[in-house]
C-alpha cells in the first residue's frame, strides 16, 4: 500500500512540476503537500523495512528513544501536509472571493515561504516527545553524575 502511495504521489509531483498550469502559488502549495506526503511515506516505508529485517521488538516500541525519531519525522511531515492543505484552502478562497486582488495576496515566493513555515510548524506537536527524551536523558545524566561524585 505504501509503495502505491509513494508512486502516486511521485507521479503527481512530476505532473505538478512539469505542467505549466501549476506554475503559480497554487502549484507551489500543491508541490509542498506532495513533498510532505512523500517524506511521510518514505520514513514509514524505510523504518518498517528496518523493523521487519532486524526482527527487533525494541525498534517498534514507543518507549525506545531511537524509535521516536522516525515517528517524529513522519508526524512532522504529516502535520505539515495538513497545514499546507489549509493554506491551499485559503489560496482557493482568495482566488474565488478576490480574483482581482489575488496576485497581491499570493505569489510564488509568498506561497513558498508559507509552505516552509507550515512544514516547520509541524514540529510543534512533536516537540514534547523530543524534549521529553532530552529531559529524561539529562535527568539520568545528572543522577549518574551525582552517584559518581558521592562515590569519590
N, C-alpha and C. Protein backbone atom coordinates (compact mmCIF):
# COMPACT_ATOMS: atom_id res chain seq x y z
N UNK A 1 0.83 -1.19 0.00
CA UNK A 1 0.00 0.00 0.00
C UNK A 1 0.88 1.26 0.00
N UNK A 2 1.95 1.22 0.80
CA UNK A 2 2.81 2.41 0.84
C UNK A 2 3.54 2.63 -0.48
N UNK A 3 3.87 1.55 -1.17
CA UNK A 3 4.51 1.72 -2.48
C UNK A 3 3.56 2.37 -3.47
N UNK A 4 2.27 2.00 -3.41
CA UNK A 4 1.28 2.63 -4.28
C UNK A 4 1.16 4.12 -3.97
N UNK A 5 1.14 4.47 -2.69
CA UNK A 5 1.09 5.89 -2.30
C UNK A 5 2.34 6.63 -2.73
N UNK A 6 3.48 5.98 -2.60
CA UNK A 6 4.75 6.59 -3.00
C UNK A 6 4.76 6.86 -4.50
N UNK A 7 4.32 5.89 -5.28
CA UNK A 7 4.30 6.04 -6.74
C UNK A 7 3.28 7.10 -7.17
N UNK A 8 2.09 7.06 -6.59
CA UNK A 8 1.06 8.03 -7.00
C UNK A 8 1.44 9.46 -6.60
N UNK A 9 2.04 9.64 -5.43
CA UNK A 9 2.49 10.98 -5.05
C UNK A 9 3.66 11.43 -5.91
N UNK A 10 4.54 10.50 -6.27
CA UNK A 10 5.64 10.84 -7.15
C UNK A 10 5.18 11.26 -8.54
N UNK A 11 4.20 10.54 -9.08
CA UNK A 11 3.64 10.92 -10.38
C UNK A 11 2.92 12.27 -10.30
N UNK A 12 2.19 12.49 -9.22
CA UNK A 12 1.52 13.78 -9.05
C UNK A 12 2.53 14.91 -8.93
N UNK A 13 3.63 14.65 -8.24
CA UNK A 13 4.69 15.66 -8.13
C UNK A 13 5.29 15.96 -9.49
N UNK A 14 5.51 14.93 -10.29
CA UNK A 14 6.05 15.12 -11.64
C UNK A 14 5.10 15.97 -12.49
N UNK A 15 3.81 15.68 -12.41
CA UNK A 15 2.82 16.45 -13.17
C UNK A 15 2.79 17.89 -12.68
N UNK A 16 2.82 18.07 -11.37
CA UNK A 16 2.76 19.43 -10.80
C UNK A 16 3.97 20.26 -11.20
N UNK A 17 5.14 19.65 -11.25
CA UNK A 17 6.35 20.39 -11.58
C UNK A 17 6.45 20.68 -13.08
N UNK A 18 6.05 19.72 -13.91
CA UNK A 18 6.25 19.89 -15.35
C UNK A 18 5.10 20.59 -16.07
N UNK A 19 3.90 20.60 -15.51
CA UNK A 19 2.75 21.19 -16.18
C UNK A 19 2.76 22.71 -15.99
N UNK A 20 2.53 23.44 -17.06
CA UNK A 20 2.57 24.90 -17.00
C UNK A 20 1.39 25.49 -16.23
N UNK A 21 0.31 24.74 -16.06
CA UNK A 21 -0.85 25.24 -15.32
C UNK A 21 -0.57 25.36 -13.82
N UNK A 22 0.48 24.73 -13.35
CA UNK A 22 0.81 24.74 -11.92
C UNK A 22 1.97 25.67 -11.59
N UNK A 23 2.34 26.55 -12.50
CA UNK A 23 3.45 27.48 -12.23
C UNK A 23 2.91 28.76 -11.60
N UNK A 24 2.30 28.60 -10.44
CA UNK A 24 1.74 29.72 -9.69
C UNK A 24 1.76 29.34 -8.21
N UNK A 25 1.14 30.17 -7.38
CA UNK A 25 1.15 29.92 -5.94
C UNK A 25 0.44 28.61 -5.60
N UNK A 26 -0.65 28.33 -6.30
CA UNK A 26 -1.38 27.08 -6.06
C UNK A 26 -0.49 25.87 -6.36
N UNK A 27 0.23 25.91 -7.46
CA UNK A 27 1.13 24.81 -7.81
C UNK A 27 2.26 24.65 -6.80
N UNK A 28 2.75 25.78 -6.27
CA UNK A 28 3.79 25.72 -5.25
C UNK A 28 3.28 25.04 -3.99
N UNK A 29 2.06 25.39 -3.58
CA UNK A 29 1.48 24.77 -2.39
C UNK A 29 1.17 23.28 -2.63
N UNK A 30 0.72 22.94 -3.83
CA UNK A 30 0.48 21.53 -4.16
C UNK A 30 1.79 20.74 -4.12
N UNK A 31 2.85 21.34 -4.61
CA UNK A 31 4.16 20.70 -4.57
C UNK A 31 4.60 20.47 -3.12
N UNK A 32 4.35 21.44 -2.26
CA UNK A 32 4.72 21.30 -0.84
C UNK A 32 3.95 20.15 -0.19
N UNK A 33 2.66 20.04 -0.49
CA UNK A 33 1.87 18.93 0.08
C UNK A 33 2.40 17.59 -0.40
N UNK A 34 2.69 17.50 -1.69
CA UNK A 34 3.19 16.24 -2.23
C UNK A 34 4.55 15.87 -1.65
N UNK A 35 5.42 16.86 -1.45
CA UNK A 35 6.72 16.58 -0.83
C UNK A 35 6.55 16.10 0.60
N UNK A 36 5.63 16.71 1.34
CA UNK A 36 5.35 16.26 2.71
C UNK A 36 4.82 14.83 2.70
N UNK A 37 3.91 14.53 1.78
CA UNK A 37 3.37 13.16 1.70
C UNK A 37 4.45 12.15 1.35
N UNK A 38 5.32 12.51 0.41
CA UNK A 38 6.40 11.60 0.02
C UNK A 38 7.35 11.38 1.19
N UNK A 39 7.64 12.43 1.96
CA UNK A 39 8.51 12.25 3.12
C UNK A 39 7.86 11.33 4.14
N UNK A 40 6.59 11.52 4.41
CA UNK A 40 5.90 10.67 5.38
C UNK A 40 5.93 9.21 4.94
N UNK A 41 5.59 8.96 3.69
CA UNK A 41 5.57 7.59 3.18
C UNK A 41 6.97 6.99 3.18
N UNK A 42 7.97 7.77 2.81
CA UNK A 42 9.35 7.27 2.78
C UNK A 42 9.83 6.87 4.17
N UNK A 43 9.58 7.73 5.15
CA UNK A 43 10.03 7.43 6.51
C UNK A 43 9.35 6.16 7.02
N UNK A 44 8.04 6.06 6.81
CA UNK A 44 7.31 4.88 7.28
C UNK A 44 7.78 3.62 6.54
N UNK A 45 8.00 3.73 5.24
CA UNK A 45 8.45 2.58 4.44
C UNK A 45 9.84 2.12 4.87
N UNK A 46 10.76 3.06 5.03
CA UNK A 46 12.13 2.70 5.40
C UNK A 46 12.18 2.14 6.82
N UNK A 47 11.48 2.80 7.76
CA UNK A 47 11.52 2.33 9.14
C UNK A 47 10.81 0.98 9.28
N UNK A 48 9.73 0.79 8.54
CA UNK A 48 9.06 -0.51 8.55
C UNK A 48 9.96 -1.61 8.03
N UNK A 49 10.73 -1.32 6.99
CA UNK A 49 11.67 -2.31 6.45
C UNK A 49 12.76 -2.62 7.46
N UNK A 50 13.26 -1.60 8.15
CA UNK A 50 14.31 -1.81 9.16
C UNK A 50 13.78 -2.70 10.29
N UNK A 51 12.58 -2.41 10.76
CA UNK A 51 12.00 -3.19 11.86
C UNK A 51 11.76 -4.63 11.42
N UNK A 52 11.24 -4.82 10.21
CA UNK A 52 10.97 -6.18 9.73
C UNK A 52 12.25 -6.96 9.46
N UNK A 53 13.28 -6.30 8.96
CA UNK A 53 14.52 -7.01 8.64
C UNK A 53 15.33 -7.36 9.88
N UNK A 54 15.25 -6.54 10.91
CA UNK A 54 16.03 -6.81 12.13
C UNK A 54 15.29 -7.69 13.12
N UNK A 55 13.99 -7.86 12.95
CA UNK A 55 13.16 -8.65 13.88
C UNK A 55 13.31 -8.17 15.32
N UNK A 56 13.46 -6.89 15.50
CA UNK A 56 13.66 -6.32 16.83
C UNK A 56 12.36 -5.71 17.34
N UNK A 57 11.92 -6.16 18.51
CA UNK A 57 10.72 -5.59 19.11
C UNK A 57 11.01 -4.20 19.68
N UNK A 58 12.24 -3.96 20.08
CA UNK A 58 12.59 -2.65 20.65
C UNK A 58 12.42 -1.53 19.63
N UNK A 59 12.72 -1.81 18.37
CA UNK A 59 12.64 -0.78 17.35
C UNK A 59 11.21 -0.34 17.07
N UNK A 60 10.25 -1.16 17.42
CA UNK A 60 8.85 -0.77 17.23
C UNK A 60 8.19 -0.33 18.54
N UNK A 61 8.97 -0.26 19.60
CA UNK A 61 8.43 0.15 20.90
C UNK A 61 8.38 1.67 21.00
N UNK A 62 7.26 2.22 21.49
CA UNK A 62 7.18 3.68 21.63
C UNK A 62 8.03 4.22 22.77
N UNK A 63 8.55 3.35 23.63
CA UNK A 63 9.39 3.81 24.73
C UNK A 63 10.87 3.83 24.36
N UNK A 64 11.23 3.22 23.27
CA UNK A 64 12.62 3.19 22.82
C UNK A 64 12.93 4.52 22.14
N UNK A 65 13.96 5.22 22.62
CA UNK A 65 14.20 6.59 22.16
C UNK A 65 14.55 6.67 20.68
N UNK A 66 15.27 5.71 20.15
CA UNK A 66 15.62 5.75 18.73
C UNK A 66 14.38 5.55 17.86
N UNK A 67 13.41 4.80 18.35
CA UNK A 67 12.18 4.57 17.58
C UNK A 67 11.32 5.82 17.49
N UNK A 68 11.53 6.78 18.37
CA UNK A 68 10.75 8.01 18.33
C UNK A 68 11.19 8.94 17.20
N UNK A 69 12.42 8.81 16.75
CA UNK A 69 12.94 9.71 15.71
C UNK A 69 12.18 9.54 14.39
N UNK A 70 12.05 8.33 13.84
CA UNK A 70 11.27 8.23 12.60
C UNK A 70 9.80 8.56 12.80
N UNK A 71 9.27 8.26 13.98
CA UNK A 71 7.88 8.63 14.26
C UNK A 71 7.69 10.13 14.24
N UNK A 72 8.63 10.85 14.85
CA UNK A 72 8.55 12.31 14.84
C UNK A 72 8.71 12.86 13.43
N UNK A 73 9.64 12.30 12.65
CA UNK A 73 9.82 12.76 11.27
C UNK A 73 8.57 12.53 10.43
N UNK A 74 7.95 11.38 10.61
CA UNK A 74 6.72 11.10 9.85
C UNK A 74 5.60 12.03 10.29
N UNK A 75 5.50 12.27 11.60
CA UNK A 75 4.44 13.16 12.09
C UNK A 75 4.66 14.60 11.68
N UNK A 76 5.91 15.05 11.66
CA UNK A 76 6.21 16.43 11.26
C UNK A 76 5.73 16.67 9.84
N UNK A 77 6.06 15.76 8.93
CA UNK A 77 5.64 15.96 7.54
C UNK A 77 4.14 15.77 7.38
N UNK A 78 3.54 14.91 8.20
CA UNK A 78 2.09 14.74 8.14
C UNK A 78 1.38 16.00 8.62
N UNK A 79 1.81 16.55 9.75
CA UNK A 79 1.23 17.80 10.24
C UNK A 79 1.49 18.95 9.26
N UNK A 80 2.69 18.95 8.67
CA UNK A 80 2.99 19.97 7.66
C UNK A 80 2.06 19.87 6.46
N UNK A 81 1.76 18.65 6.02
CA UNK A 81 0.84 18.46 4.90
C UNK A 81 -0.57 18.95 5.24
N UNK A 82 -0.99 18.70 6.48
CA UNK A 82 -2.32 19.18 6.90
C UNK A 82 -2.36 20.70 6.88
N UNK A 83 -1.29 21.33 7.40
CA UNK A 83 -1.27 22.81 7.43
C UNK A 83 -1.18 23.40 6.02
N UNK A 84 -0.42 22.76 5.14
CA UNK A 84 -0.34 23.27 3.77
C UNK A 84 -1.67 23.06 3.05
N UNK A 85 -2.39 22.00 3.37
CA UNK A 85 -3.74 21.83 2.81
C UNK A 85 -4.66 22.96 3.26
N UNK A 86 -4.51 23.41 4.50
CA UNK A 86 -5.28 24.57 4.96
C UNK A 86 -4.88 25.82 4.19
N UNK A 87 -3.58 25.96 3.88
CA UNK A 87 -3.13 27.09 3.07
C UNK A 87 -3.71 27.02 1.66
N UNK A 88 -3.80 25.81 1.11
CA UNK A 88 -4.41 25.65 -0.22
C UNK A 88 -5.87 26.08 -0.17
N UNK A 89 -6.55 25.74 0.91
CA UNK A 89 -7.94 26.16 1.06
C UNK A 89 -8.05 27.68 1.08
N UNK A 90 -7.15 28.33 1.83
CA UNK A 90 -7.15 29.79 1.87
C UNK A 90 -6.81 30.37 0.50
N UNK A 91 -5.89 29.74 -0.20
CA UNK A 91 -5.49 30.18 -1.53
C UNK A 91 -6.67 30.11 -2.50
N UNK A 92 -7.38 29.01 -2.48
CA UNK A 92 -8.52 28.86 -3.39
C UNK A 92 -9.65 29.82 -3.01
N UNK A 93 -9.83 30.08 -1.71
CA UNK A 93 -10.85 31.04 -1.29
C UNK A 93 -10.50 32.44 -1.80
N UNK A 94 -9.23 32.82 -1.67
CA UNK A 94 -8.81 34.14 -2.18
C UNK A 94 -8.97 34.22 -3.69
N UNK A 95 -8.71 33.12 -4.39
CA UNK A 95 -8.85 33.12 -5.85
C UNK A 95 -10.30 33.30 -6.27
N UNK A 96 -11.23 32.74 -5.49
CA UNK A 96 -12.65 32.86 -5.84
C UNK A 96 -13.28 34.14 -5.30
N UNK A 97 -12.94 34.52 -4.09
CA UNK A 97 -13.60 35.67 -3.47
C UNK A 97 -12.98 37.00 -3.91
N UNK A 98 -11.68 37.01 -4.16
CA UNK A 98 -10.98 38.25 -4.53
C UNK A 98 -10.15 38.03 -5.79
N UNK A 99 -10.77 37.81 -6.93
CA UNK A 99 -9.99 37.48 -8.14
C UNK A 99 -9.08 38.62 -8.61
N UNK A 100 -9.46 39.87 -8.37
CA UNK A 100 -8.63 40.98 -8.83
C UNK A 100 -7.45 41.24 -7.89
N UNK A 101 -7.60 40.92 -6.62
CA UNK A 101 -6.53 41.15 -5.64
C UNK A 101 -5.74 39.88 -5.33
N UNK A 102 -6.05 38.79 -6.02
CA UNK A 102 -5.42 37.50 -5.72
C UNK A 102 -3.90 37.57 -5.81
N UNK A 103 -3.38 38.22 -6.83
CA UNK A 103 -1.92 38.27 -7.01
C UNK A 103 -1.25 39.16 -5.96
N UNK A 104 -2.00 40.04 -5.33
CA UNK A 104 -1.44 40.80 -4.21
C UNK A 104 -1.32 39.93 -2.97
N UNK A 105 -2.28 39.00 -2.80
CA UNK A 105 -2.26 38.12 -1.64
C UNK A 105 -1.27 36.97 -1.80
N UNK A 106 -1.27 36.36 -2.98
CA UNK A 106 -0.50 35.15 -3.20
C UNK A 106 0.44 35.30 -4.39
N UNK A 107 1.70 34.99 -4.17
CA UNK A 107 2.69 34.90 -5.25
C UNK A 107 3.50 33.63 -4.99
N UNK A 108 4.32 33.26 -5.93
CA UNK A 108 5.12 32.04 -5.75
C UNK A 108 6.07 32.16 -4.56
N UNK A 109 6.81 33.27 -4.39
CA UNK A 109 7.68 33.36 -3.20
C UNK A 109 6.90 33.36 -1.88
N UNK A 110 5.74 34.03 -1.86
CA UNK A 110 4.92 34.02 -0.63
C UNK A 110 4.40 32.62 -0.33
N UNK A 111 3.97 31.92 -1.36
CA UNK A 111 3.47 30.55 -1.17
C UNK A 111 4.60 29.63 -0.72
N UNK A 112 5.78 29.82 -1.28
CA UNK A 112 6.94 29.00 -0.89
C UNK A 112 7.28 29.24 0.58
N UNK A 113 7.31 30.52 0.98
CA UNK A 113 7.57 30.85 2.39
C UNK A 113 6.50 30.26 3.30
N UNK A 114 5.25 30.39 2.90
CA UNK A 114 4.15 29.87 3.71
C UNK A 114 4.24 28.35 3.84
N UNK A 115 4.60 27.66 2.77
CA UNK A 115 4.75 26.21 2.82
C UNK A 115 5.89 25.78 3.73
N UNK A 116 7.01 26.49 3.67
CA UNK A 116 8.15 26.16 4.53
C UNK A 116 7.81 26.41 5.99
N UNK A 117 7.16 27.52 6.26
CA UNK A 117 6.76 27.83 7.64
C UNK A 117 5.77 26.79 8.15
N UNK A 118 4.81 26.40 7.32
CA UNK A 118 3.84 25.38 7.72
C UNK A 118 4.53 24.05 8.00
N UNK A 119 5.54 23.71 7.20
CA UNK A 119 6.27 22.46 7.44
C UNK A 119 6.97 22.51 8.80
N UNK A 120 7.64 23.62 9.08
CA UNK A 120 8.35 23.70 10.35
C UNK A 120 7.41 23.86 11.54
N UNK A 121 6.22 24.38 11.33
CA UNK A 121 5.23 24.40 12.40
C UNK A 121 4.76 22.99 12.74
N UNK A 122 4.96 22.06 11.82
CA UNK A 122 4.65 20.67 12.09
C UNK A 122 5.51 20.08 13.19
N UNK A 123 6.63 20.72 13.50
CA UNK A 123 7.48 20.26 14.60
C UNK A 123 6.85 20.53 15.96
N UNK A 124 5.98 21.52 16.06
CA UNK A 124 5.43 21.90 17.36
C UNK A 124 4.73 20.75 18.09
N UNK A 125 3.85 19.98 17.44
CA UNK A 125 3.24 18.87 18.18
C UNK A 125 4.23 17.78 18.58
N UNK A 126 5.37 17.69 17.89
CA UNK A 126 6.35 16.65 18.19
C UNK A 126 7.38 17.08 19.23
N UNK A 127 7.48 18.36 19.50
CA UNK A 127 8.49 18.85 20.44
C UNK A 127 8.36 18.27 21.84
N UNK A 128 7.16 18.08 22.39
CA UNK A 128 7.12 17.48 23.74
C UNK A 128 7.78 16.11 23.80
N UNK A 129 7.60 15.28 22.77
CA UNK A 129 8.27 13.98 22.76
C UNK A 129 9.77 14.13 22.67
N UNK A 130 10.23 14.99 21.77
CA UNK A 130 11.67 15.16 21.60
C UNK A 130 12.28 15.76 22.86
N UNK A 131 11.68 16.80 23.40
CA UNK A 131 12.21 17.43 24.60
C UNK A 131 12.06 16.54 25.81
N UNK A 132 11.03 15.71 25.84
CA UNK A 132 10.87 14.75 26.94
C UNK A 132 12.01 13.76 26.97
N UNK A 133 12.43 13.31 25.79
CA UNK A 133 13.56 12.38 25.71
C UNK A 133 14.83 13.08 26.18
N UNK A 134 15.05 14.30 25.71
CA UNK A 134 16.25 15.03 26.11
C UNK A 134 16.25 15.31 27.60
N UNK A 135 15.07 15.69 28.14
CA UNK A 135 14.99 15.98 29.56
C UNK A 135 15.27 14.73 30.37
N UNK A 136 14.69 13.60 29.95
CA UNK A 136 14.91 12.34 30.66
C UNK A 136 16.37 11.94 30.59
N UNK A 137 17.00 12.14 29.42
CA UNK A 137 18.41 11.80 29.27
C UNK A 137 19.26 12.69 30.17
N UNK A 138 18.98 14.00 30.17
CA UNK A 138 19.74 14.93 31.01
C UNK A 138 19.52 14.63 32.48
N UNK A 139 18.29 14.29 32.84
CA UNK A 139 17.98 13.98 34.23
C UNK A 139 18.74 12.74 34.67
N UNK A 140 18.77 11.71 33.81
CA UNK A 140 19.53 10.50 34.14
C UNK A 140 21.02 10.80 34.22
N UNK A 141 21.52 11.67 33.37
CA UNK A 141 22.93 12.03 33.40
C UNK A 141 23.29 12.72 34.70
N UNK A 142 22.40 13.59 35.19
CA UNK A 142 22.65 14.27 36.46
C UNK A 142 22.65 13.28 37.61
N UNK A 143 21.75 12.30 37.58
CA UNK A 143 21.72 11.30 38.64
C UNK A 143 23.00 10.47 38.63
N UNK A 144 23.44 10.06 37.45
CA UNK A 144 24.69 9.29 37.33
C UNK A 144 25.86 10.14 37.80
N UNK A 145 25.88 11.42 37.44
CA UNK A 145 26.96 12.31 37.87
C UNK A 145 26.98 12.43 39.39
N UNK A 146 25.81 12.57 40.02
CA UNK A 146 25.74 12.67 41.49
C UNK A 146 26.23 11.38 42.15
N UNK A 147 25.85 10.23 41.58
CA UNK A 147 26.30 8.96 42.15
C UNK A 147 27.81 8.83 42.06
N UNK A 148 28.37 9.20 40.92
CA UNK A 148 29.83 9.13 40.76
C UNK A 148 30.51 10.09 41.72
N UNK A 149 29.93 11.26 41.90
CA UNK A 149 30.50 12.27 42.79
C UNK A 149 30.46 11.78 44.24
N UNK A 150 29.36 11.11 44.64
CA UNK A 150 29.26 10.60 46.01
C UNK A 150 30.22 9.46 46.27
N UNK A 151 30.49 8.65 45.24
CA UNK A 151 31.39 7.52 45.41
C UNK A 151 32.82 8.00 45.63
N UNK A 152 33.20 9.04 44.90
CA UNK A 152 34.57 9.55 45.04
C UNK A 152 34.59 10.52 46.15
